[in-house]
């Protein structure tokens, strides 16, 4: 975990530049969207800090209802995020 200004970043690696978000149970589509938006915000912060593009964005979800998992997959694909949906 890394801290940049006021941001907590769950997954971070400097070289190659990787940023990620980990969540346990987004129980609604709105929460899933919030997790994706948080990851995209973190990506911008890290890219500004290191002056280069993130090579990978990861969203790890332990469990989610099927409709939420489906939406997460769509959002991840649309935003170039590697989605790890463990118990979904």
Protein backbone atom coordinates (compact mmCIF):
# COMPACT_ATOMS: atom_id res chain seq x y z
CA UNK A 1 0.00 0.00 0.00
CA UNK A 2 1.29 3.46 -0.84
CA UNK A 3 0.19 6.93 0.18
CA UNK A 4 0.35 9.93 -2.15
CA UNK A 5 -0.88 13.23 -0.69
CA UNK A 6 -4.34 12.24 0.58
CA UNK A 7 -4.72 9.11 -1.53
CA UNK A 8 -4.41 5.54 -0.35
CA UNK A 9 -3.42 3.21 -3.15
CA UNK A 10 -4.00 -0.48 -2.44
CA UNK A 11 -1.65 -1.93 -5.07
CA UNK A 12 1.40 -0.09 -6.29
CA UNK A 13 4.64 -0.90 -8.06
CA UNK A 14 7.06 1.72 -9.36
CA UNK A 15 8.92 -0.18 -12.09
CA UNK A 16 6.96 -1.18 -14.06
CA UNK A 17 4.37 1.35 -12.97
CA UNK A 18 1.33 -0.58 -11.73
CA UNK A 19 -1.62 0.72 -9.71
CA UNK A 20 -4.55 -1.21 -8.30
CA UNK A 21 -7.63 -1.22 -6.11
CA UNK A 22 -8.77 -4.06 -3.86
CA UNK A 23 -12.31 -4.42 -2.54
CA UNK A 24 -14.22 -7.20 -0.84
CA UNK A 25 -17.90 -6.86 -1.70
CA UNK A 26 -19.33 -4.11 -3.91
CA UNK A 27 -23.01 -4.95 -3.41
CA UNK A 28 -24.42 -2.52 -5.97
CA UNK A 29 -23.50 -1.24 -9.42
CA UNK A 30 -23.00 2.26 -7.98
CA UNK A 31 -20.37 0.92 -5.56
CA UNK A 32 -18.65 -0.91 -8.40
CA UNK A 33 -18.56 2.29 -10.44
CA UNK A 34 -17.09 4.08 -7.41
CA UNK A 35 -14.28 1.52 -7.14
CA UNK A 36 -13.44 1.91 -10.83
CA UNK A 37 -13.50 5.71 -10.52
CA UNK A 38 -11.22 5.52 -7.46
CA UNK A 39 -8.76 3.39 -9.43
CA UNK A 40 -8.80 5.83 -12.35
CA UNK A 41 -8.19 8.73 -9.95
CA UNK A 42 -5.28 6.84 -8.37
CA UNK A 43 -3.86 6.16 -11.82
CA UNK A 44 -3.79 9.89 -12.58
CA UNK A 45 -2.11 10.70 -9.26
CA UNK A 46 0.60 8.06 -9.80
CA UNK A 47 1.20 9.06 -13.42
CA UNK A 48 1.62 12.71 -12.43
CA UNK A 49 3.96 11.77 -9.57
CA UNK A 50 6.23 9.57 -11.72
CA UNK A 51 5.85 11.34 -15.06
CA UNK A 52 4.95 8.21 -17.00
CA UNK A 53 1.92 6.10 -17.86
CA UNK A 54 0.87 3.19 -15.74
CA UNK A 55 1.61 -0.05 -17.55
CA UNK A 56 -1.17 -1.89 -15.76
CA UNK A 57 -4.30 -1.10 -13.73
CA UNK A 58 -5.72 -3.89 -11.57
CA UNK A 59 -9.08 -4.15 -9.83
CA UNK A 60 -9.33 -7.09 -7.44
CA UNK A 61 -12.78 -8.03 -6.12
CA UNK A 62 -13.28 -10.83 -3.59
CA UNK A 63 -17.01 -11.29 -4.14
CA UNK A 64 -19.91 -9.53 -5.87
CA UNK A 65 -23.44 -10.33 -7.02
CA UNK A 66 -23.60 -11.53 -10.65
CA UNK A 67 -25.10 -8.27 -12.00
CA UNK A 68 -22.39 -6.24 -10.25
CA UNK A 69 -19.64 -8.57 -11.48
CA UNK A 70 -20.94 -8.23 -15.03
CA UNK A 71 -20.90 -4.45 -14.79
CA UNK A 72 -17.38 -4.53 -13.32
CA UNK A 73 -16.18 -6.59 -16.28
CA UNK A 74 -17.69 -4.08 -18.72
CA UNK A 75 -16.24 -1.08 -16.89
CA UNK A 76 -12.85 -2.73 -16.61
CA UNK A 77 -12.71 -3.53 -20.32
CA UNK A 78 -13.81 -0.02 -21.27
CA UNK A 79 -11.07 1.53 -19.08
CA UNK A 80 -8.16 -0.83 -19.77
CA UNK A 81 -8.31 -2.39 -16.31
CA UNK A 82 -7.36 -5.99 -15.52
CA UNK A 83 -10.28 -7.25 -13.40
CA UNK A 84 -9.66 -10.07 -10.95
CA UNK A 85 -13.09 -11.25 -9.86
CA UNK A 86 -12.34 -14.04 -7.40
CA UNK A 87 -15.66 -15.26 -5.98
CA UNK A 88 -17.99 -13.71 -8.51
